Amino acid sequence: MTHHDALWNTINKIATINNKTRSGLARLCKLDATAFNPSKRFSVHGQPRWISTETLYKILTHTNTTPVQFAELFQGFLDDKYKD
Protein backbone atom coordinates (compact mmCIF):
# COMPACT_ATOMS: atom_id res chain seq x y z
CA MET A 1 0.00 0.00 0.00
CA THR A 2 1.28 3.46 -0.81
CA HIS A 3 1.65 6.18 1.80
CA HIS A 4 -1.06 8.15 0.01
CA ASP A 5 -3.50 5.24 0.26
CA ALA A 6 -2.56 4.63 3.89
CA LEU A 7 -3.17 8.28 4.76
CA TRP A 8 -6.65 8.34 3.23
CA ASN A 9 -7.52 4.94 4.71
CA THR A 10 -6.46 6.26 8.11
CA ILE A 11 -8.80 9.23 7.70
CA ASN A 12 -11.61 6.87 6.69
CA LYS A 13 -10.88 4.71 9.77
CA ILE A 14 -10.97 7.74 12.08
CA ALA A 15 -14.34 8.66 10.61
CA THR A 16 -15.61 5.13 11.26
CA ILE A 17 -14.23 5.07 14.81
CA ASN A 18 -16.13 8.29 15.46
CA ASN A 19 -19.35 6.95 13.90
CA LYS A 20 -19.10 9.44 11.04
CA THR A 21 -19.15 9.22 7.30
CA ARG A 22 -16.37 10.97 5.40
CA SER A 23 -18.68 13.95 4.91
CA GLY A 24 -19.72 13.83 8.56
CA LEU A 25 -16.08 13.94 9.61
CA ALA A 26 -15.45 16.88 7.28
CA ARG A 27 -18.40 18.79 8.73
CA LEU A 28 -17.24 17.96 12.29
CA CYS A 29 -13.88 19.49 11.35
CA LYS A 30 -15.63 22.61 9.99
CA LEU A 31 -14.64 21.75 6.42
CA ASP A 32 -16.64 21.44 3.23
CA ALA A 33 -18.63 18.20 3.34
CA THR A 34 -16.83 16.94 0.23
CA ALA A 35 -13.32 17.54 1.58
CA PHE A 36 -12.58 13.85 2.15
CA ASN A 37 -14.39 12.42 -0.89
CA PRO A 38 -12.38 9.97 -3.00
CA SER A 39 -12.78 12.32 -5.98
CA LYS A 40 -10.74 14.95 -4.12
CA ARG A 41 -7.78 12.65 -3.48
CA PHE A 42 -6.23 13.15 -6.91
CA SER A 43 -5.85 16.17 -9.16
CA VAL A 44 -7.45 16.28 -12.59
CA HIS A 45 -4.03 15.21 -13.90
CA GLY A 46 -3.95 12.15 -11.65
CA GLN A 47 -1.46 13.55 -9.15
CA PRO A 48 -2.08 12.55 -5.52
CA ARG A 49 -3.48 15.30 -3.32
CA TRP A 50 -2.29 15.37 0.25
CA ILE A 51 -4.14 16.92 3.16
CA SER A 52 -2.59 19.97 4.77
CA THR A 53 -1.15 19.97 8.26
CA GLU A 54 -3.98 22.31 9.20
CA THR A 55 -6.56 19.76 8.07
CA LEU A 56 -4.71 16.99 9.91
CA TYR A 57 -4.72 19.16 13.04
CA LYS A 58 -8.49 19.66 12.69
CA ILE A 59 -9.06 15.91 12.34
CA LEU A 60 -6.98 15.15 15.42
CA THR A 61 -8.52 17.95 17.48
CA HIS A 62 -12.16 17.36 16.61
CA THR A 63 -11.94 13.59 17.09
CA ASN A 64 -9.69 13.63 20.17
CA THR A 65 -7.18 11.48 18.31
CA THR A 66 -3.59 11.76 19.48
CA PRO A 67 -0.75 11.95 16.96
CA VAL A 68 0.46 8.59 18.28
CA GLN A 69 -2.96 7.00 17.66
CA PHE A 70 -3.00 8.48 14.15
CA ALA A 71 0.50 7.14 13.49
CA GLU A 72 -0.44 3.67 14.76
CA LEU A 73 -3.48 3.55 12.47
CA PHE A 74 -1.39 4.82 9.55
CA GLN A 75 1.32 2.23 10.18
CA GLY A 76 -1.32 -0.47 10.43
CA PHE A 77 -2.44 0.31 6.90
CA LEU A 78 1.15 0.33 5.64
CA ASP A 79 1.67 -3.07 7.27
CA ASP A 80 -1.66 -4.31 5.82
CA LYS A 81 -2.93 -4.93 9.34
CA TYR A 82 -6.28 -3.47 8.29
CA LYS A 83 -8.17 -4.17 5.14
CA ASP A 84 -10.10 -1.44 3.29
PDB file of N, CA and C in Angstrom:
ATOM      1  N   MET A   1       0.848  -1.178   0.000  1.00  0.00           N
ATOM      2  CA  MET A   1       0.000   0.000   0.000  1.00  0.00           C
ATOM      3  C   MET A   1       0.892   1.239   0.000  1.00  0.00           C
ATOM      4  N   THR A   2       0.498   2.232  -0.756  1.00  0.00           N
ATOM      5  CA  THR A   2       1.279   3.458  -0.809  1.00  0.00           C
ATOM      6  C   THR A   2       0.997   4.318   0.425  1.00  0.00           C
ATOM      7  N   HIS A   3       1.860   5.255   0.690  1.00  0.00           N
ATOM      8  CA  HIS A   3       1.652   6.180   1.799  1.00  0.00           C
ATOM      9  C   HIS A   3       0.386   7.010   1.580  1.00  0.00           C
ATOM     10  N   HIS A   4       0.137   7.371   0.336  1.00  0.00           N
ATOM     11  CA  HIS A   4      -1.056   8.146   0.006  1.00  0.00           C
ATOM     12  C   HIS A   4      -2.316   7.353   0.350  1.00  0.00           C
ATOM     13  N   ASP A   5      -2.357   6.097  -0.062  1.00  0.00           N
ATOM     14  CA  ASP A   5      -3.503   5.239   0.262  1.00  0.00           C
ATOM     15  C   ASP A   5      -3.646   5.063   1.769  1.00  0.00           C
ATOM     16  N   ALA A   6      -2.530   4.836   2.438  1.00  0.00           N
ATOM     17  CA  ALA A   6      -2.561   4.631   3.888  1.00  0.00           C
ATOM     18  C   ALA A   6      -3.089   5.871   4.607  1.00  0.00           C
ATOM     19  N   LEU A   7      -2.690   7.040   4.145  1.00  0.00           N
ATOM     20  CA  LEU A   7      -3.172   8.280   4.757  1.00  0.00           C
ATOM     21  C   LEU A   7      -4.689   8.393   4.637  1.00  0.00           C
ATOM     22  N   TRP A   8      -5.207   8.197   3.430  1.00  0.00           N
ATOM     23  CA  TRP A   8      -6.647   8.335   3.232  1.00  0.00           C
ATOM     24  C   TRP A   8      -7.420   7.221   3.929  1.00  0.00           C
ATOM     25  N   ASN A   9      -6.860   6.019   3.974  1.00  0.00           N
ATOM     26  CA  ASN A   9      -7.515   4.942   4.713  1.00  0.00           C
ATOM     27  C   ASN A   9      -7.540   5.237   6.210  1.00  0.00           C
ATOM     28  N   THR A  10      -6.495   5.873   6.704  1.00  0.00           N
ATOM     29  CA  THR A  10      -6.463   6.261   8.111  1.00  0.00           C
ATOM     30  C   THR A  10      -7.555   7.287   8.414  1.00  0.00           C
ATOM     31  N   ILE A  11      -7.728   8.241   7.523  1.00  0.00           N
ATOM     32  CA  ILE A  11      -8.796   9.235   7.702  1.00  0.00           C
ATOM     33  C   ILE A  11     -10.161   8.552   7.669  1.00  0.00           C
ATOM     34  N   ASN A  12     -10.346   7.617   6.744  1.00  0.00           N
ATOM     35  CA  ASN A  12     -11.606   6.865   6.694  1.00  0.00           C
ATOM     36  C   ASN A  12     -11.834   6.107   8.000  1.00  0.00           C
ATOM     37  N   LYS A  13     -10.778   5.491   8.522  1.00  0.00           N
ATOM     38  CA  LYS A  13     -10.878   4.714   9.766  1.00  0.00           C
ATOM     39  C   LYS A  13     -11.234   5.618  10.941  1.00  0.00           C
ATOM     40  N   ILE A  14     -10.646   6.793  11.005  1.00  0.00           N
ATOM     41  CA  ILE A  14     -10.967   7.738  12.075  1.00  0.00           C
ATOM     42  C   ILE A  14     -12.435   8.144  11.982  1.00  0.00           C
ATOM     43  N   ALA A  15     -12.919   8.346  10.777  1.00  0.00           N
ATOM     44  CA  ALA A  15     -14.341   8.662  10.607  1.00  0.00           C
ATOM     45  C   ALA A  15     -15.192   7.521  11.154  1.00  0.00           C
ATOM     46  N   THR A  16     -14.858   6.298  10.799  1.00  0.00           N
ATOM     47  CA  THR A  16     -15.609   5.125  11.261  1.00  0.00           C
ATOM     48  C   THR A  16     -15.563   4.994  12.778  1.00  0.00           C
ATOM     49  N   ILE A  17     -14.384   5.160  13.358  1.00  0.00           N
ATOM     50  CA  ILE A  17     -14.231   5.072  14.811  1.00  0.00           C
ATOM     51  C   ILE A  17     -15.132   6.082  15.512  1.00  0.00           C
ATOM     52  N   ASN A  18     -15.319   7.219  14.881  1.00  0.00           N
ATOM     53  CA  ASN A  18     -16.134   8.288  15.462  1.00  0.00           C
ATOM     54  C   ASN A  18     -17.583   8.257  14.973  1.00  0.00           C
ATOM     55  N   ASN A  19     -17.982   7.132  14.393  1.00  0.00           N
ATOM     56  CA  ASN A  19     -19.354   6.951  13.900  1.00  0.00           C
ATOM     57  C   ASN A  19     -19.772   8.053  12.926  1.00  0.00           C
ATOM     58  N   LYS A  20     -18.847   8.396  12.047  1.00  0.00           N
ATOM     59  CA  LYS A  20     -19.098   9.435  11.045  1.00  0.00           C
ATOM     60  C   LYS A  20     -18.837   8.879   9.656  1.00  0.00           C
ATOM     61  N   THR A  21     -19.509   9.452   8.696  1.00  0.00           N
ATOM     62  CA  THR A  21     -19.150   9.221   7.304  1.00  0.00           C
ATOM     63  C   THR A  21     -17.985  10.150   6.989  1.00  0.00           C
ATOM     64  N   ARG A  22     -17.431  10.030   5.789  1.00  0.00           N
ATOM     65  CA  ARG A  22     -16.369  10.973   5.400  1.00  0.00           C
ATOM     66  C   ARG A  22     -16.907  12.396   5.417  1.00  0.00           C
ATOM     67  N   SER A  23     -18.116  12.595   4.912  1.00  0.00           N
ATOM     68  CA  SER A  23     -18.679  13.949   4.909  1.00  0.00           C
ATOM     69  C   SER A  23     -19.014  14.401   6.324  1.00  0.00           C
ATOM     70  N   GLY A  24     -19.453  13.481   7.170  1.00  0.00           N
ATOM     71  CA  GLY A  24     -19.724  13.829   8.564  1.00  0.00           C
ATOM     72  C   GLY A  24     -18.461  14.244   9.289  1.00  0.00           C
ATOM     73  N   LEU A  25     -17.362  13.563   9.005  1.00  0.00           N
ATOM     74  CA  LEU A  25     -16.080  13.940   9.608  1.00  0.00           C
ATOM     75  C   LEU A  25     -15.658  15.317   9.116  1.00  0.00           C
ATOM     76  N   ALA A  26     -15.809  15.565   7.830  1.00  0.00           N
ATOM     77  CA  ALA A  26     -15.446  16.875   7.277  1.00  0.00           C
ATOM     78  C   ALA A  26     -16.252  17.985   7.943  1.00  0.00           C
ATOM     79  N   ARG A  27     -17.557  17.775   8.086  1.00  0.00           N
ATOM     80  CA  ARG A  27     -18.396  18.792   8.733  1.00  0.00           C
ATOM     81  C   ARG A  27     -18.005  18.975  10.199  1.00  0.00           C
ATOM     82  N   LEU A  28     -17.693  17.872  10.902  1.00  0.00           N
ATOM     83  CA  LEU A  28     -17.241  17.958  12.287  1.00  0.00           C
ATOM     84  C   LEU A  28     -15.992  18.832  12.392  1.00  0.00           C
ATOM     85  N   CYS A  29     -15.135  18.731  11.383  1.00  0.00           N
ATOM     86  CA  CYS A  29     -13.880  19.494  11.351  1.00  0.00           C
ATOM     87  C   CYS A  29     -14.059  20.889  10.769  1.00  0.00           C
ATOM     88  N   LYS A  30     -15.319  21.289  10.535  1.00  0.00           N
ATOM     89  CA  LYS A  30     -15.632  22.614   9.986  1.00  0.00           C
ATOM     90  C   LYS A  30     -15.069  22.808   8.585  1.00  0.00           C
ATOM     91  N   LEU A  31     -15.104  21.714   7.794  1.00  0.00           N
ATOM     92  CA  LEU A  31     -14.639  21.753   6.420  1.00  0.00           C
ATOM     93  C   LEU A  31     -15.825  21.517   5.488  1.00  0.00           C
ATOM     94  N   ASP A  32     -15.624  21.762   4.218  1.00  0.00           N
ATOM     95  CA  ASP A  32     -16.635  21.442   3.227  1.00  0.00           C
ATOM     96  C   ASP A  32     -16.941  19.950   3.313  1.00  0.00           C
ATOM     97  N   ALA A  33     -18.205  19.599   3.193  1.00  0.00           N
ATOM     98  CA  ALA A  33     -18.635  18.203   3.341  1.00  0.00           C
ATOM     99  C   ALA A  33     -17.967  17.260   2.345  1.00  0.00           C
ATOM    100  N   THR A  34     -17.464  17.787   1.240  1.00  0.00           N
ATOM    101  CA  THR A  34     -16.832  16.938   0.230  1.00  0.00           C
ATOM    102  C   THR A  34     -15.313  16.853   0.387  1.00  0.00           C
ATOM    103  N   ALA A  35     -14.770  17.444   1.419  1.00  0.00           N
ATOM    104  CA  ALA A  35     -13.316  17.545   1.575  1.00  0.00           C
ATOM    105  C   ALA A  35     -12.596  16.198   1.553  1.00  0.00           C
ATOM    106  N   PHE A  36     -13.241  15.149   2.064  1.00  0.00           N
ATOM    107  CA  PHE A  36     -12.582  13.849   2.152  1.00  0.00           C
ATOM    108  C   PHE A  36     -13.104  12.841   1.128  1.00  0.00           C
ATOM    109  N   ASN A  37     -13.866  13.309   0.151  1.00  0.00           N
ATOM    110  CA  ASN A  37     -14.390  12.421  -0.885  1.00  0.00           C
ATOM    111  C   ASN A  37     -13.252  11.821  -1.706  1.00  0.00           C
ATOM    112  N   PRO A  38     -13.417  10.578  -2.147  1.00  0.00           N
ATOM    113  CA  PRO A  38     -12.383   9.973  -3.001  1.00  0.00           C
ATOM    114  C   PRO A  38     -12.060  10.799  -4.241  1.00  0.00           C
ATOM    115  N   SER A  39     -13.027  11.508  -4.775  1.00  0.00           N
ATOM    116  CA  SER A  39     -12.781  12.317  -5.978  1.00  0.00           C
ATOM    117  C   SER A  39     -11.832  13.479  -5.712  1.00  0.00           C
ATOM    118  N   LYS A  40     -11.630  13.827  -4.466  1.00  0.00           N
ATOM    119  CA  LYS A  40     -10.743  14.950  -4.118  1.00  0.00           C
ATOM    120  C   LYS A  40      -9.320  14.481  -3.808  1.00  0.00           C
ATOM    121  N   ARG A  41      -9.073  13.204  -3.896  1.00  0.00           N
ATOM    122  CA  ARG A  41      -7.781  12.652  -3.485  1.00  0.00           C
ATOM    123  C   ARG A  41      -6.722  12.702  -4.576  1.00  0.00           C
ATOM    124  N   PHE A  42      -7.160  13.023  -5.787  1.00  0.00           N
ATOM    125  CA  PHE A  42      -6.229  13.147  -6.915  1.00  0.00           C
ATOM    126  C   PHE A  42      -6.598  14.372  -7.721  1.00  0.00           C
ATOM    127  N   SER A  43      -5.597  15.009  -8.308  1.00  0.00           N
ATOM    128  CA  SER A  43      -5.852  16.169  -9.161  1.00  0.00           C
ATOM    129  C   SER A  43      -6.460  15.692 -10.479  1.00  0.00           C
ATOM    130  N   VAL A  44      -6.900  16.639 -11.283  1.00  0.00           N
ATOM    131  CA  VAL A  44      -7.455  16.280 -12.593  1.00  0.00           C
ATOM    132  C   VAL A  44      -6.404  15.622 -13.481  1.00  0.00           C
ATOM    133  N   HIS A  45      -5.128  15.809 -13.141  1.00  0.00           N
ATOM    134  CA  HIS A  45      -4.033  15.209 -13.902  1.00  0.00           C
ATOM    135  C   HIS A  45      -3.560  13.898 -13.282  1.00  0.00           C
ATOM    136  N   GLY A  46      -4.284  13.433 -12.270  1.00  0.00           N
ATOM    137  CA  GLY A  46      -3.949  12.155 -11.646  1.00  0.00           C
ATOM    138  C   GLY A  46      -2.894  12.207 -10.567  1.00  0.00           C
ATOM    139  N   GLN A  47      -2.459  13.411 -10.205  1.00  0.00           N
ATOM    140  CA  GLN A  47      -1.460  13.546  -9.150  1.00  0.00           C
ATOM    141  C   GLN A  47      -2.122  13.411  -7.776  1.00  0.00           C
ATOM    142  N   PRO A  48      -1.493  12.684  -6.844  1.00  0.00           N
ATOM    143  CA  PRO A  48      -2.083  12.554  -5.517  1.00  0.00           C
ATOM    144  C   PRO A  48      -2.190  13.909  -4.824  1.00  0.00           C
ATOM    145  N   ARG A  49      -3.309  14.112  -4.167  1.00  0.00           N
ATOM    146  CA  ARG A  49      -3.476  15.298  -3.323  1.00  0.00           C
ATOM    147  C   ARG A  49      -3.306  14.856  -1.886  1.00  0.00           C
ATOM    148  N   TRP A  50      -2.561  15.665  -1.145  1.00  0.00           N
ATOM    149  CA  TRP A  50      -2.287  15.374   0.250  1.00  0.00           C
ATOM    150  C   TRP A  50      -3.019  16.400   1.107  1.00  0.00           C
ATOM    151  N   ILE A  51      -3.479  15.970   2.274  1.00  0.00           N
ATOM    152  CA  ILE A  51      -4.136  16.921   3.160  1.00  0.00           C
ATOM    153  C   ILE A  51      -3.088  17.844   3.769  1.00  0.00           C
ATOM    154  N   SER A  52      -3.510  19.014   4.158  1.00  0.00           N
ATOM    155  CA  SER A  52      -2.594  19.970   4.769  1.00  0.00           C
ATOM    156  C   SER A  52      -2.401  19.614   6.242  1.00  0.00           C
ATOM    157  N   THR A  53      -1.353  20.172   6.820  1.00  0.00           N
ATOM    158  CA  THR A  53      -1.145  19.967   8.259  1.00  0.00           C
ATOM    159  C   THR A  53      -2.281  20.598   9.048  1.00  0.00           C
ATOM    160  N   GLU A  54      -2.845  21.681   8.532  1.00  0.00           N
ATOM    161  CA  GLU A  54      -3.980  22.314   9.201  1.00  0.00           C
ATOM    162  C   GLU A  54      -5.186  21.374   9.223  1.00  0.00           C
ATOM    163  N   THR A  55      -5.445  20.705   8.115  1.00  0.00           N
ATOM    164  CA  THR A  55      -6.556  19.763   8.065  1.00  0.00           C
ATOM    165  C   THR A  55      -6.290  18.578   8.994  1.00  0.00           C
ATOM    166  N   LEU A  56      -5.066  18.081   8.995  1.00  0.00           N
ATOM    167  CA  LEU A  56      -4.709  16.991   9.905  1.00  0.00           C
ATOM    168  C   LEU A  56      -4.928  17.416  11.354  1.00  0.00           C
ATOM    169  N   TYR A  57      -4.513  18.627  11.688  1.00  0.00           N
ATOM    170  CA  TYR A  57      -4.723  19.161  13.039  1.00  0.00           C
ATOM    171  C   TYR A  57      -6.216  19.184  13.384  1.00  0.00           C
ATOM    172  N   LYS A  58      -7.043  19.608  12.444  1.00  0.00           N
ATOM    173  CA  LYS A  58      -8.486  19.658  12.687  1.00  0.00           C
ATOM    174  C   LYS A  58      -9.042  18.256  12.932  1.00  0.00           C
ATOM    175  N   ILE A  59      -8.592  17.287  12.148  1.00  0.00           N
ATOM    176  CA  ILE A  59      -9.060  15.912  12.341  1.00  0.00           C
ATOM    177  C   ILE A  59      -8.691  15.429  13.741  1.00  0.00           C
ATOM    178  N   LEU A  60      -7.441  15.618  14.111  1.00  0.00           N
ATOM    179  CA  LEU A  60      -6.983  15.152  15.421  1.00  0.00           C
ATOM    180  C   LEU A  60      -7.727  15.859  16.552  1.00  0.00           C
ATOM    181  N   THR A  61      -7.873  17.160  16.435  1.00  0.00           N
ATOM    182  CA  THR A  61      -8.518  17.953  17.484  1.00  0.00           C
ATOM    183  C   THR A  61      -9.987  17.610  17.642  1.00  0.00           C
ATOM    184  N   HIS A  62     -10.712  17.562  16.544  1.00  0.00           N
ATOM    185  CA  HIS A  62     -12.159  17.361  16.612  1.00  0.00           C
ATOM    186  C   HIS A  62     -12.561  15.921  16.908  1.00  0.00           C
ATOM    187  N   THR A  63     -11.628  14.991  16.782  1.00  0.00           N
ATOM    188  CA  THR A  63     -11.936  13.592  17.090  1.00  0.00           C
ATOM    189  C   THR A  63     -11.210  13.101  18.339  1.00  0.00           C
ATOM    190  N   ASN A  64     -10.480  13.997  18.982  1.00  0.00           N
ATOM    191  CA  ASN A  64      -9.686  13.631  20.171  1.00  0.00           C
ATOM    192  C   ASN A  64      -8.754  12.457  19.884  1.00  0.00           C
ATOM    193  N   THR A  65      -8.152  12.485  18.712  1.00  0.00           N
ATOM    194  CA  THR A  65      -7.182  11.477  18.305  1.00  0.00           C
ATOM    195  C   THR A  65      -5.788  12.040  18.555  1.00  0.00           C
ATOM    196  N   THR A  66      -4.949  11.288  19.240  1.00  0.00           N
ATOM    197  CA  THR A  66      -3.587  11.764  19.476  1.00  0.00           C
ATOM    198  C   THR A  66      -2.735  11.504  18.230  1.00  0.00           C
ATOM    199  N   PRO A  67      -1.646  12.235  18.085  1.00  0.00           N
ATOM    200  CA  PRO A  67      -0.748  11.953  16.961  1.00  0.00           C
ATOM    201  C   PRO A  67      -0.231  10.509  16.982  1.00  0.00           C
ATOM    202  N   VAL A  68      -0.018   9.967  18.165  1.00  0.00           N
ATOM    203  CA  VAL A  68       0.456   8.588  18.277  1.00  0.00           C
ATOM    204  C   VAL A  68      -0.623   7.622  17.776  1.00  0.00           C
ATOM    205  N   GLN A  69      -1.872   7.850  18.150  1.00  0.00           N
ATOM    206  CA  GLN A  69      -2.960   7.002  17.662  1.00  0.00           C
ATOM    207  C   GLN A  69      -3.063   7.080  16.138  1.00  0.00           C
ATOM    208  N   PHE A  70      -2.958   8.297  15.600  1.00  0.00           N
ATOM    209  CA  PHE A  70      -2.998   8.476  14.155  1.00  0.00           C
ATOM    210  C   PHE A  70      -1.863   7.695  13.504  1.00  0.00           C
ATOM    211  N   ALA A  71      -0.665   7.826  14.056  1.00  0.00           N
ATOM    212  CA  ALA A  71       0.502   7.140  13.495  1.00  0.00           C
ATOM    213  C   ALA A  71       0.340   5.626  13.557  1.00  0.00           C
ATOM    214  N   GLU A  72      -0.230   5.118  14.638  1.00  0.00           N
ATOM    215  CA  GLU A  72      -0.441   3.675  14.763  1.00  0.00           C
ATOM    216  C   GLU A  72      -1.440   3.170  13.723  1.00  0.00           C
ATOM    217  N   LEU A  73      -2.518   3.916  13.509  1.00  0.00           N
ATOM    218  CA  LEU A  73      -3.478   3.546  12.471  1.00  0.00           C
ATOM    219  C   LEU A  73      -2.818   3.582  11.097  1.00  0.00           C
ATOM    220  N   PHE A  74      -2.089   4.657  10.828  1.00  0.00           N
ATOM    221  CA  PHE A  74      -1.389   4.821   9.554  1.00  0.00           C
ATOM    222  C   PHE A  74      -0.435   3.654   9.316  1.00  0.00           C
ATOM    223  N   GLN A  75       0.366   3.329  10.313  1.00  0.00           N
ATOM    224  CA  GLN A  75       1.324   2.230  10.183  1.00  0.00           C
ATOM    225  C   GLN A  75       0.608   0.905   9.978  1.00  0.00           C
ATOM    226  N   GLY A  76      -0.539   0.747  10.630  1.00  0.00           N
ATOM    227  CA  GLY A  76      -1.321  -0.469  10.435  1.00  0.00           C
ATOM    228  C   GLY A  76      -1.731  -0.661   8.986  1.00  0.00           C
ATOM    229  N   PHE A  77      -2.086   0.406   8.320  1.00  0.00           N
ATOM    230  CA  PHE A  77      -2.438   0.307   6.905  1.00  0.00           C
ATOM    231  C   PHE A  77      -1.203   0.015   6.056  1.00  0.00           C
ATOM    232  N   LEU A  78      -0.080   0.624   6.388  1.00  0.00           N
ATOM    233  CA  LEU A  78       1.150   0.332   5.636  1.00  0.00           C
ATOM    234  C   LEU A  78       1.548  -1.124   5.795  1.00  0.00           C
ATOM    235  N   ASP A  79       1.330  -1.675   6.990  1.00  0.00           N
ATOM    236  CA  ASP A  79       1.673  -3.075   7.273  1.00  0.00           C
ATOM    237  C   ASP A  79       0.576  -4.038   6.836  1.00  0.00           C
ATOM    238  N   ASP A  80      -0.497  -3.506   6.238  1.00  0.00           N
ATOM    239  CA  ASP A  80      -1.662  -4.307   5.821  1.00  0.00           C
ATOM    240  C   ASP A  80      -2.328  -5.013   6.994  1.00  0.00           C
ATOM    241  N   LYS A  81      -2.246  -4.388   8.168  1.00  0.00           N
ATOM    242  CA  LYS A  81      -2.934  -4.932   9.341  1.00  0.00           C
ATOM    243  C   LYS A  81      -4.434  -4.815   9.183  1.00  0.00           C
ATOM    244  N   TYR A  82      -4.863  -3.741   8.510  1.00  0.00           N
ATOM    245  CA  TYR A  82      -6.280  -3.475   8.286  1.00  0.00           C
ATOM    246  C   TYR A  82      -6.578  -3.660   6.811  1.00  0.00           C
ATOM    247  N   LYS A  83      -7.758  -4.062   6.527  1.00  0.00           N
ATOM    248  CA  LYS A  83      -8.173  -4.170   5.139  1.00  0.00           C
ATOM    249  C   LYS A  83      -9.181  -3.064   4.871  1.00  0.00           C
ATOM    250  N   ASP A  84      -9.185  -2.528   3.657  1.00  0.00           N
ATOM    251  CA  ASP A  84     -10.104  -1.439   3.285  1.00  0.00           C
ATOM    252  C   ASP A  84     -11.536  -1.816   3.538  1.00  0.00           C
TER     253      ASP A  84
END
